[in-house]
Amino acid sequence: MGVKKPKIITPIEDGVNRRFFQAIEALVSLGRLSALESFCKEAGLSASRYRETRFTYGVTPRPGKVSRYKSIQIEALYYLVAKYSVSSDWLLTGRGNMFSK
């Protein structure tokens, strides 16, 4: 058995992870979502996974807390784009506006 190497997060993954949580926070502040947990429930995702991931990538990360989860699931990104009109260009590249017209 080999030793499992820790996954290295690329700058692209880091940016997408951070923009995901920025979009969630924006949707909450706009009243379109009540909380991260409600988004997870609607999308059929694990709320505990995303609460933990928020420690590392959220808008207000917790110093010293590192999530064992390294990337946002594609289903979560899809749901933001399909249901909440978050711009896929912005979500993936950081270019343009957060919300599609």
PDB file of N, CA and C in Angstrom:
ATOM      1  N   MET A   1       0.828  -1.187   0.000  1.00  0.00           N
ATOM      2  CA  MET A   1       0.000   0.000   0.000  1.00  0.00           C
ATOM      3  C   MET A   1       0.874   1.253   0.000  1.00  0.00           C
ATOM      4  N   GLY A   2       0.569   2.155  -0.889  1.00  0.00           N
ATOM      5  CA  GLY A   2       1.306   3.397  -0.948  1.00  0.00           C
ATOM      6  C   GLY A   2       0.708   4.432  -0.016  1.00  0.00           C
ATOM      7  N   VAL A   3       1.486   5.449   0.245  1.00  0.00           N
ATOM      8  CA  VAL A   3       1.018   6.551   1.088  1.00  0.00           C
ATOM      9  C   VAL A   3       0.229   7.512   0.205  1.00  0.00           C
ATOM     10  N   LYS A   4      -0.940   7.861   0.663  1.00  0.00           N
ATOM     11  CA  LYS A   4      -1.789   8.778  -0.098  1.00  0.00           C
ATOM     12  C   LYS A   4      -1.229  10.193   0.000  1.00  0.00           C
ATOM     13  N   LYS A   5      -0.990  10.795  -1.165  1.00  0.00           N
ATOM     14  CA  LYS A   5      -0.487  12.166  -1.207  1.00  0.00           C
ATOM     15  C   LYS A   5      -1.626  13.140  -0.974  1.00  0.00           C
ATOM     16  N   PRO A   6      -1.369  14.212  -0.246  1.00  0.00           N
ATOM     17  CA  PRO A   6      -2.424  15.223  -0.085  1.00  0.00           C
ATOM     18  C   PRO A   6      -2.694  15.904  -1.426  1.00  0.00           C
ATOM     19  N   LYS A   7      -3.960  16.187  -1.683  1.00  0.00           N
ATOM     20  CA  LYS A   7      -4.336  16.861  -2.935  1.00  0.00           C
ATOM     21  C   LYS A   7      -3.884  18.307  -2.878  1.00  0.00           C
ATOM     22  N   ILE A   8      -3.219  18.715  -3.909  1.00  0.00           N
ATOM     23  CA  ILE A   8      -2.773  20.109  -4.015  1.00  0.00           C
ATOM     24  C   ILE A   8      -3.855  20.892  -4.755  1.00  0.00           C
ATOM     25  N   ILE A   9      -4.268  21.982  -4.154  1.00  0.00           N
ATOM     26  CA  ILE A   9      -5.292  22.835  -4.753  1.00  0.00           C
ATOM     27  C   ILE A   9      -4.617  23.830  -5.692  1.00  0.00           C
ATOM     28  N   THR A  10      -5.067  23.842  -6.929  1.00  0.00           N
ATOM     29  CA  THR A  10      -4.516  24.782  -7.899  1.00  0.00           C
ATOM     30  C   THR A  10      -5.147  26.160  -7.683  1.00  0.00           C
ATOM     31  N   PRO A  11      -4.521  27.194  -8.193  1.00  0.00           N
ATOM     32  CA  PRO A  11      -5.126  28.528  -8.095  1.00  0.00           C
ATOM     33  C   PRO A  11      -6.517  28.596  -8.747  1.00  0.00           C
ATOM     34  N   ILE A  12      -6.730  27.801  -9.797  1.00  0.00           N
ATOM     35  CA  ILE A  12      -8.041  27.794 -10.458  1.00  0.00           C
ATOM     36  C   ILE A  12      -9.090  27.204  -9.519  1.00  0.00           C
ATOM     37  N   GLU A  13      -8.804  26.045  -8.907  1.00  0.00           N
ATOM     38  CA  GLU A  13      -9.733  25.424  -7.954  1.00  0.00           C
ATOM     39  C   GLU A  13     -10.009  26.350  -6.778  1.00  0.00           C
ATOM     40  N   ASP A  14      -8.963  26.970  -6.272  1.00  0.00           N
ATOM     41  CA  ASP A  14      -9.104  27.889  -5.144  1.00  0.00           C
ATOM     42  C   ASP A  14     -10.066  29.017  -5.502  1.00  0.00           C
ATOM     43  N   GLY A  15      -9.897  29.595  -6.689  1.00  0.00           N
ATOM     44  CA  GLY A  15     -10.763  30.689  -7.121  1.00  0.00           C
ATOM     45  C   GLY A  15     -12.217  30.256  -7.270  1.00  0.00           C
ATOM     46  N   VAL A  16     -12.451  29.093  -7.873  1.00  0.00           N
ATOM     47  CA  VAL A  16     -13.815  28.599  -8.047  1.00  0.00           C
ATOM     48  C   VAL A  16     -14.447  28.330  -6.684  1.00  0.00           C
ATOM     49  N   ASN A  17     -13.696  27.710  -5.793  1.00  0.00           N
ATOM     50  CA  ASN A  17     -14.208  27.442  -4.444  1.00  0.00           C
ATOM     51  C   ASN A  17     -14.625  28.737  -3.750  1.00  0.00           C
ATOM     52  N   ARG A  18     -13.780  29.742  -3.824  1.00  0.00           N
ATOM     53  CA  ARG A  18     -14.074  31.019  -3.168  1.00  0.00           C
ATOM     54  C   ARG A  18     -15.276  31.727  -3.809  1.00  0.00           C
ATOM     55  N   ARG A  19     -15.343  31.703  -5.147  1.00  0.00           N
ATOM     56  CA  ARG A  19     -16.474  32.350  -5.818  1.00  0.00           C
ATOM     57  C   ARG A  19     -17.792  31.634  -5.513  1.00  0.00           C
ATOM     58  N   PHE A  20     -17.752  30.317  -5.333  1.00  0.00           N
ATOM     59  CA  PHE A  20     -18.953  29.583  -4.941  1.00  0.00           C
ATOM     60  C   PHE A  20     -19.522  30.169  -3.650  1.00  0.00           C
ATOM     61  N   PHE A  21     -18.668  30.347  -2.643  1.00  0.00           N
ATOM     62  CA  PHE A  21     -19.146  30.871  -1.361  1.00  0.00           C
ATOM     63  C   PHE A  21     -19.529  32.347  -1.451  1.00  0.00           C
ATOM     64  N   GLN A  22     -18.868  33.108  -2.322  1.00  0.00           N
ATOM     65  CA  GLN A  22     -19.277  34.498  -2.538  1.00  0.00           C
ATOM     66  C   GLN A  22     -20.695  34.533  -3.114  1.00  0.00           C
ATOM     67  N   ALA A  23     -20.972  33.642  -4.057  1.00  0.00           N
ATOM     68  CA  ALA A  23     -22.311  33.599  -4.666  1.00  0.00           C
ATOM     69  C   ALA A  23     -23.363  33.194  -3.637  1.00  0.00           C
ATOM     70  N   ILE A  24     -23.057  32.224  -2.806  1.00  0.00           N
ATOM     71  CA  ILE A  24     -24.002  31.803  -1.763  1.00  0.00           C
ATOM     72  C   ILE A  24     -24.294  32.990  -0.838  1.00  0.00           C
ATOM     73  N   GLU A  25     -23.266  33.683  -0.401  1.00  0.00           N
ATOM     74  CA  GLU A  25     -23.447  34.844   0.489  1.00  0.00           C
ATOM     75  C   GLU A  25     -24.288  35.923  -0.188  1.00  0.00           C
ATOM     76  N   ALA A  26     -24.043  36.164  -1.476  1.00  0.00           N
ATOM     77  CA  ALA A  26     -24.827  37.164  -2.205  1.00  0.00           C
ATOM     78  C   ALA A  26     -26.294  36.755  -2.284  1.00  0.00           C
ATOM     79  N   LEU A  27     -26.550  35.494  -2.569  1.00  0.00           N
ATOM     80  CA  LEU A  27     -27.935  35.009  -2.648  1.00  0.00           C
ATOM     81  C   LEU A  27     -28.642  35.116  -1.300  1.00  0.00           C
ATOM     82  N   VAL A  28     -27.922  34.860  -0.222  1.00  0.00           N
ATOM     83  CA  VAL A  28     -28.505  35.003   1.113  1.00  0.00           C
ATOM     84  C   VAL A  28     -28.813  36.474   1.380  1.00  0.00           C
ATOM     85  N   SER A  29     -27.866  37.357   1.062  1.00  0.00           N
ATOM     86  CA  SER A  29     -28.087  38.785   1.339  1.00  0.00           C
ATOM     87  C   SER A  29     -29.206  39.364   0.469  1.00  0.00           C
ATOM     88  N   LEU A  30     -29.433  38.786  -0.704  1.00  0.00           N
ATOM     89  CA  LEU A  30     -30.527  39.225  -1.575  1.00  0.00           C
ATOM     90  C   LEU A  30     -31.865  38.592  -1.195  1.00  0.00           C
ATOM     91  N   GLY A  31     -31.849  37.686  -0.225  1.00  0.00           N
ATOM     92  CA  GLY A  31     -33.069  37.030   0.205  1.00  0.00           C
ATOM     93  C   GLY A  31     -33.525  35.895  -0.703  1.00  0.00           C
ATOM     94  N   ARG A  32     -32.680  35.486  -1.621  1.00  0.00           N
ATOM     95  CA  ARG A  32     -33.044  34.391  -2.535  1.00  0.00           C
ATOM     96  C   ARG A  32     -32.767  33.027  -1.922  1.00  0.00           C
ATOM     97  N   LEU A  33     -31.941  33.007  -0.887  1.00  0.00           N
ATOM     98  CA  LEU A  33     -31.652  31.797  -0.108  1.00  0.00           C
ATOM     99  C   LEU A  33     -31.694  32.185   1.349  1.00  0.00           C
ATOM    100  N   SER A  34     -32.086  31.256   2.201  1.00  0.00           N
ATOM    101  CA  SER A  34     -32.067  31.577   3.633  1.00  0.00           C
ATOM    102  C   SER A  34     -30.703  31.288   4.246  1.00  0.00           C
ATOM    103  N   ALA A  35     -29.990  30.298   3.716  1.00  0.00           N
ATOM    104  CA  ALA A  35     -28.682  29.931   4.260  1.00  0.00           C
ATOM    105  C   ALA A  35     -28.015  28.897   3.355  1.00  0.00           C
ATOM    106  N   LEU A  36     -26.753  28.646   3.602  1.00  0.00           N
ATOM    107  CA  LEU A  36     -26.016  27.602   2.889  1.00  0.00           C
ATOM    108  C   LEU A  36     -26.743  26.264   3.012  1.00  0.00           C
ATOM    109  N   GLU A  37     -27.245  25.980   4.196  1.00  0.00           N
ATOM    110  CA  GLU A  37     -27.925  24.706   4.436  1.00  0.00           C
ATOM    111  C   GLU A  37     -29.150  24.541   3.533  1.00  0.00           C
ATOM    112  N   SER A  38     -29.897  25.613   3.310  1.00  0.00           N
ATOM    113  CA  SER A  38     -31.076  25.502   2.445  1.00  0.00           C
ATOM    114  C   SER A  38     -30.658  25.220   1.001  1.00  0.00           C
ATOM    115  N   PHE A  39     -29.571  25.831   0.555  1.00  0.00           N
ATOM    116  CA  PHE A  39     -29.048  25.547  -0.778  1.00  0.00           C
ATOM    117  C   PHE A  39     -28.682  24.068  -0.892  1.00  0.00           C
ATOM    118  N   CYS A  40     -27.971  23.558   0.097  1.00  0.00           N
ATOM    119  CA  CYS A  40     -27.547  22.153   0.077  1.00  0.00           C
ATOM    120  C   CYS A  40     -28.753  21.218   0.047  1.00  0.00           C
ATOM    121  N   LYS A  41     -29.754  21.533   0.831  1.00  0.00           N
ATOM    122  CA  LYS A  41     -30.956  20.692   0.878  1.00  0.00           C
ATOM    123  C   LYS A  41     -31.652  20.680  -0.482  1.00  0.00           C
ATOM    124  N   GLU A  42     -31.828  21.867  -1.081  1.00  0.00           N
ATOM    125  CA  GLU A  42     -32.471  21.967  -2.403  1.00  0.00           C
ATOM    126  C   GLU A  42     -31.705  21.182  -3.462  1.00  0.00           C
ATOM    127  N   ALA A  43     -30.379  21.261  -3.400  1.00  0.00           N
ATOM    128  CA  ALA A  43     -29.535  20.645  -4.423  1.00  0.00           C
ATOM    129  C   ALA A  43     -29.202  19.185  -4.123  1.00  0.00           C
ATOM    130  N   GLY A  44     -29.629  18.687  -2.960  1.00  0.00           N
ATOM    131  CA  GLY A  44     -29.336  17.304  -2.592  1.00  0.00           C
ATOM    132  C   GLY A  44     -27.879  17.079  -2.225  1.00  0.00           C
ATOM    133  N   LEU A  45     -27.261  18.091  -1.625  1.00  0.00           N
ATOM    134  CA  LEU A  45     -25.853  18.030  -1.239  1.00  0.00           C
ATOM    135  C   LEU A  45     -25.708  17.904   0.277  1.00  0.00           C
ATOM    136  N   SER A  46     -24.556  17.489   0.722  1.00  0.00           N
ATOM    137  CA  SER A  46     -24.279  17.344   2.147  1.00  0.00           C
ATOM    138  C   SER A  46     -23.986  18.708   2.776  1.00  0.00           C
ATOM    139  N   ALA A  47     -24.887  19.169   3.627  1.00  0.00           N
ATOM    140  CA  ALA A  47     -24.689  20.466   4.285  1.00  0.00           C
ATOM    141  C   ALA A  47     -23.444  20.444   5.165  1.00  0.00           C
ATOM    142  N   SER A  48     -23.179  19.322   5.828  1.00  0.00           N
ATOM    143  CA  SER A  48     -21.999  19.265   6.703  1.00  0.00           C
ATOM    144  C   SER A  48     -20.716  19.397   5.892  1.00  0.00           C
ATOM    145  N   ARG A  49     -20.679  18.826   4.701  1.00  0.00           N
ATOM    146  CA  ARG A  49     -19.499  18.960   3.833  1.00  0.00           C
ATOM    147  C   ARG A  49     -19.257  20.431   3.493  1.00  0.00           C
ATOM    148  N   TYR A  50     -20.328  21.138   3.130  1.00  0.00           N
ATOM    149  CA  TYR A  50     -20.168  22.530   2.709  1.00  0.00           C
ATOM    150  C   TYR A  50     -19.916  23.477   3.885  1.00  0.00           C
ATOM    151  N   ARG A  51     -20.458  23.149   5.046  1.00  0.00           N
ATOM    152  CA  ARG A  51     -20.129  23.945   6.242  1.00  0.00           C
ATOM    153  C   ARG A  51     -18.640  23.815   6.538  1.00  0.00           C
ATOM    154  N   GLU A  52     -18.126  22.597   6.437  1.00  0.00           N
ATOM    155  CA  GLU A  52     -16.696  22.388   6.686  1.00  0.00           C
ATOM    156  C   GLU A  52     -15.833  23.052   5.615  1.00  0.00           C
ATOM    157  N   THR A  53     -16.236  22.934   4.375  1.00  0.00           N
ATOM    158  CA  THR A  53     -15.473  23.545   3.278  1.00  0.00           C
ATOM    159  C   THR A  53     -15.441  25.060   3.417  1.00  0.00           C
ATOM    160  N   ARG A  54     -16.530  25.624   3.952  1.00  0.00           N
ATOM    161  CA  ARG A  54     -16.601  27.084   4.158  1.00  0.00           C
ATOM    162  C   ARG A  54     -15.521  27.565   5.123  1.00  0.00           C
ATOM    163  N   PHE A  55     -15.074  26.708   6.052  1.00  0.00           N
ATOM    164  CA  PHE A  55     -13.991  27.096   6.970  1.00  0.00           C
ATOM    165  C   PHE A  55     -12.740  27.525   6.216  1.00  0.00           C
ATOM    166  N   THR A  56     -12.470  26.859   5.100  1.00  0.00           N
ATOM    167  CA  THR A  56     -11.272  27.155   4.319  1.00  0.00           C
ATOM    168  C   THR A  56     -11.529  28.194   3.235  1.00  0.00           C
ATOM    169  N   TYR A  57     -12.664  28.102   2.538  1.00  0.00           N
ATOM    170  CA  TYR A  57     -12.886  28.928   1.346  1.00  0.00           C
ATOM    171  C   TYR A  57     -13.985  29.970   1.477  1.00  0.00           C
ATOM    172  N   GLY A  58     -14.666  29.997   2.578  1.00  0.00           N
ATOM    173  CA  GLY A  58     -15.779  30.918   2.733  1.00  0.00           C
ATOM    174  C   GLY A  58     -15.354  32.373   2.749  1.00  0.00           C
ATOM    175  N   VAL A  59     -16.338  33.245   2.741  1.00  0.00           N
ATOM    176  CA  VAL A  59     -16.098  34.687   2.726  1.00  0.00           C
ATOM    177  C   VAL A  59     -15.327  35.117   3.974  1.00  0.00           C
ATOM    178  N   THR A  60     -15.598  34.461   5.098  1.00  0.00           N
ATOM    179  CA  THR A  60     -14.855  34.729   6.341  1.00  0.00           C
ATOM    180  C   THR A  60     -14.275  33.408   6.863  1.00  0.00           C
ATOM    181  N   PRO A  61     -13.162  32.950   6.247  1.00  0.00           N
ATOM    182  CA  PRO A  61     -12.581  31.670   6.661  1.00  0.00           C
ATOM    183  C   PRO A  61     -12.086  31.718   8.107  1.00  0.00           C
ATOM    184  N   ARG A  62     -12.015  30.559   8.718  1.00  0.00           N
ATOM    185  CA  ARG A  62     -11.523  30.451  10.089  1.00  0.00           C
ATOM    186  C   ARG A  62     -10.042  30.099  10.069  1.00  0.00           C
ATOM    187  N   PRO A  63      -9.201  30.984  10.583  1.00  0.00           N
ATOM    188  CA  PRO A  63      -7.763  30.700  10.604  1.00  0.00           C
ATOM    189  C   PRO A  63      -7.485  29.393  11.360  1.00  0.00           C
ATOM    190  N   GLY A  64      -6.605  28.583  10.782  1.00  0.00           N
ATOM    191  CA  GLY A  64      -6.230  27.325  11.413  1.00  0.00           C
ATOM    192  C   GLY A  64      -7.164  26.173  11.100  1.00  0.00           C
ATOM    193  N   LYS A  65      -8.363  26.448  10.595  1.00  0.00           N
ATOM    194  CA  LYS A  65      -9.307  25.392  10.238  1.00  0.00           C
ATOM    195  C   LYS A  65      -9.096  25.047   8.768  1.00  0.00           C
ATOM    196  N   VAL A  66      -8.839  23.784   8.508  1.00  0.00           N
ATOM    197  CA  VAL A  66      -8.649  23.334   7.139  1.00  0.00           C
ATOM    198  C   VAL A  66      -9.635  22.208   6.862  1.00  0.00           C
ATOM    199  N   SER A  67     -10.398  22.383   5.829  1.00  0.00           N
ATOM    200  CA  SER A  67     -11.389  21.381   5.451  1.00  0.00           C
ATOM    201  C   SER A  67     -10.710  20.159   4.859  1.00  0.00           C
ATOM    202  N   ARG A  68     -11.262  18.988   5.134  1.00  0.00           N
ATOM    203  CA  ARG A  68     -10.736  17.791   4.464  1.00  0.00           C
ATOM    204  C   ARG A  68     -11.240  17.717   3.034  1.00  0.00           C
ATOM    205  N   TYR A  69     -12.236  18.537   2.698  1.00  0.00           N
ATOM    206  CA  TYR A  69     -12.755  18.588   1.334  1.00  0.00           C
ATOM    207  C   TYR A  69     -12.035  19.695   0.590  1.00  0.00           C
ATOM    208  N   LYS A  70     -11.562  19.379  -0.599  1.00  0.00           N
ATOM    209  CA  LYS A  70     -10.714  20.331  -1.317  1.00  0.00           C
ATOM    210  C   LYS A  70     -11.414  21.072  -2.447  1.00  0.00           C
ATOM    211  N   SER A  71     -12.512  20.516  -2.944  1.00  0.00           N
ATOM    212  CA  SER A  71     -13.168  21.154  -4.085  1.00  0.00           C
ATOM    213  C   SER A  71     -14.681  21.092  -3.957  1.00  0.00           C
ATOM    214  N   ILE A  72     -15.313  22.068  -4.550  1.00  0.00           N
ATOM    215  CA  ILE A  72     -16.769  22.113  -4.614  1.00  0.00           C
ATOM    216  C   ILE A  72     -17.215  21.091  -5.669  1.00  0.00           C
ATOM    217  N   GLN A  73     -18.256  20.360  -5.377  1.00  0.00           N
ATOM    218  CA  GLN A  73     -18.757  19.371  -6.327  1.00  0.00           C
ATOM    219  C   GLN A  73     -19.377  20.050  -7.542  1.00  0.00           C
ATOM    220  N   ILE A  74     -19.248  19.409  -8.683  1.00  0.00           N
ATOM    221  CA  ILE A  74     -19.784  19.962  -9.923  1.00  0.00           C
ATOM    222  C   ILE A  74     -21.299  20.152  -9.831  1.00  0.00           C
ATOM    223  N   GLU A  75     -21.975  19.303  -9.081  1.00  0.00           N
ATOM    224  CA  GLU A  75     -23.425  19.431  -8.912  1.00  0.00           C
ATOM    225  C   GLU A  75     -23.786  20.763  -8.249  1.00  0.00           C
ATOM    226  N   ALA A  76     -22.969  21.191  -7.303  1.00  0.00           N
ATOM    227  CA  ALA A  76     -23.217  22.460  -6.618  1.00  0.00           C
ATOM    228  C   ALA A  76     -23.048  23.630  -7.586  1.00  0.00           C
ATOM    229  N   LEU A  77     -22.023  23.562  -8.416  1.00  0.00           N
ATOM    230  CA  LEU A  77     -21.790  24.631  -9.389  1.00  0.00           C
ATOM    231  C   LEU A  77     -22.931  24.668 -10.405  1.00  0.00           C
ATOM    232  N   TYR A  78     -23.318  23.495 -10.877  1.00  0.00           N
ATOM    233  CA  TYR A  78     -24.425  23.396 -11.833  1.00  0.00           C
ATOM    234  C   TYR A  78     -25.695  24.006 -11.251  1.00  0.00           C
ATOM    235  N   TYR A  79     -26.002  23.679 -10.015  1.00  0.00           N
ATOM    236  CA  TYR A  79     -27.236  24.153  -9.389  1.00  0.00           C
ATOM    237  C   TYR A  79     -27.232  25.682  -9.245  1.00  0.00           C
ATOM    238  N   LEU A  80     -26.082  26.257  -8.904  1.00  0.00           N
ATOM    239  CA  LEU A  80     -26.000  27.725  -8.823  1.00  0.00           C
ATOM    240  C   LEU A  80     -26.312  28.368 -10.167  1.00  0.00           C
ATOM    241  N   VAL A  81     -25.774  27.781 -11.222  1.00  0.00           N
ATOM    242  CA  VAL A  81     -25.957  28.344 -12.563  1.00  0.00           C
ATOM    243  C   VAL A  81     -27.388  28.114 -13.055  1.00  0.00           C
ATOM    244  N   ALA A  82     -27.891  26.884 -12.907  1.00  0.00           N
ATOM    245  CA  ALA A  82     -29.193  26.525 -13.451  1.00  0.00           C
ATOM    246  C   ALA A  82     -30.365  27.127 -12.679  1.00  0.00           C
ATOM    247  N   LYS A  83     -30.284  27.148 -11.365  1.00  0.00           N
ATOM    248  CA  LYS A  83     -31.431  27.592 -10.567  1.00  0.00           C
ATOM    249  C   LYS A  83     -31.348  29.062 -10.157  1.00  0.00           C
ATOM    250  N   TYR A  84     -30.140  29.560  -9.922  1.00  0.00           N
ATOM    251  CA  TYR A  84     -30.003  30.911  -9.365  1.00  0.00           C
ATOM    252  C   TYR A  84     -29.367  31.915 -10.326  1.00  0.00           C
ATOM    253  N   SER A  85     -29.209  31.544 -11.574  1.00  0.00           N
ATOM    254  CA  SER A  85     -28.684  32.442 -12.617  1.00  0.00           C
ATOM    255  C   SER A  85     -27.324  33.039 -12.279  1.00  0.00           C
ATOM    256  N   VAL A  86     -26.505  32.278 -11.554  1.00  0.00           N
ATOM    257  CA  VAL A  86     -25.116  32.709 -11.350  1.00  0.00           C
ATOM    258  C   VAL A  86     -24.410  32.483 -12.680  1.00  0.00           C
ATOM    259  N   SER A  87     -23.635  33.447 -13.100  1.00  0.00           N
ATOM    260  CA  SER A  87     -22.930  33.362 -14.375  1.00  0.00           C
ATOM    261  C   SER A  87     -21.865  32.270 -14.319  1.00  0.00           C
ATOM    262  N   SER A  88     -21.946  31.349 -15.263  1.00  0.00           N
ATOM    263  CA  SER A  88     -20.929  30.295 -15.323  1.00  0.00           C
ATOM    264  C   SER A  88     -19.566  30.879 -15.661  1.00  0.00           C
ATOM    265  N   ASP A  89     -19.530  31.918 -16.494  1.00  0.00           N
ATOM    266  CA  ASP A  89     -18.251  32.571 -16.798  1.00  0.00           C
ATOM    267  C   ASP A  89     -17.624  33.133 -15.529  1.00  0.00           C
ATOM    268  N   TRP A  90     -18.420  33.835 -14.747  1.00  0.00           N
ATOM    269  CA  TRP A  90     -17.904  34.415 -13.511  1.00  0.00           C
ATOM    270  C   TRP A  90     -17.485  33.316 -12.539  1.00  0.00           C
ATOM    271  N   LEU A  91     -18.317  32.303 -12.387  1.00  0.00           N
ATOM    272  CA  LEU A  91     -18.047  31.236 -11.429  1.00  0.00           C
ATOM    273  C   LEU A  91     -16.741  30.503 -11.762  1.00  0.00           C
ATOM    274  N   LEU A  92     -16.517  30.236 -13.035  1.00  0.00           N
ATOM    275  CA  LEU A  92     -15.333  29.470 -13.427  1.00  0.00           C
ATOM    276  C   LEU A  92     -14.092  30.313 -13.670  1.00  0.00           C
ATOM    277  N   THR A  93     -14.263  31.541 -14.162  1.00  0.00           N
ATOM    278  CA  THR A  93     -13.086  32.342 -14.524  1.00  0.00           C
ATOM    279  C   THR A  93     -12.896  33.593 -13.681  1.00  0.00           C
ATOM    280  N   GLY A  94     -13.974  34.038 -13.023  1.00  0.00           N
ATOM    281  CA  GLY A  94     -13.888  35.279 -12.265  1.00  0.00           C
ATOM    282  C   GLY A  94     -14.115  36.506 -13.119  1.00  0.00           C
ATOM    283  N   ARG A  95     -14.422  36.313 -14.405  1.00  0.00           N
ATOM    284  CA  ARG A  95     -14.638  37.451 -15.307  1.00  0.00           C
ATOM    285  C   ARG A  95     -16.128  37.740 -15.457  1.00  0.00           C
ATOM    286  N   GLY A  96     -16.450  39.006 -15.586  1.00  0.00           N
ATOM    287  CA  GLY A  96     -17.834  39.403 -15.803  1.00  0.00           C
ATOM    288  C   GLY A  96     -18.595  39.590 -14.494  1.00  0.00           C
ATOM    289  N   ASN A  97     -19.913  39.609 -14.606  1.00  0.00           N
ATOM    290  CA  ASN A  97     -20.787  39.818 -13.457  1.00  0.00           C
ATOM    291  C   ASN A  97     -21.131  38.497 -12.805  1.00  0.00           C
ATOM    292  N   MET A  98     -21.427  38.550 -11.505  1.00  0.00           N
ATOM    293  CA  MET A  98     -21.780  37.351 -10.761  1.00  0.00           C
ATOM    294  C   MET A  98     -23.058  36.719 -11.294  1.00  0.00           C
ATOM    295  N   PHE A  99     -24.033  37.553 -11.667  1.00  0.00           N
ATOM    296  CA  PHE A  99     -25.322  37.031 -12.107  1.00  0.00           C
ATOM    297  C   PHE A  99     -25.494  37.249 -13.599  1.00  0.00           C
ATOM    298  N   SER A 100     -26.098  36.246 -14.264  1.00  0.00           N
ATOM    299  CA  SER A 100     -26.410  36.345 -15.686  1.00  0.00           C
ATOM    300  C   SER A 100     -27.557  37.322 -15.857  1.00  0.00           C
ATOM    301  N   LYS A 101     -27.629  37.908 -16.981  1.00  0.00           N
ATOM    302  CA  LYS A 101     -28.706  38.861 -17.263  1.00  0.00           C
ATOM    303  C   LYS A 101     -29.988  38.128 -17.538  1.00  0.00           C
TER     304      LYS A 101
END
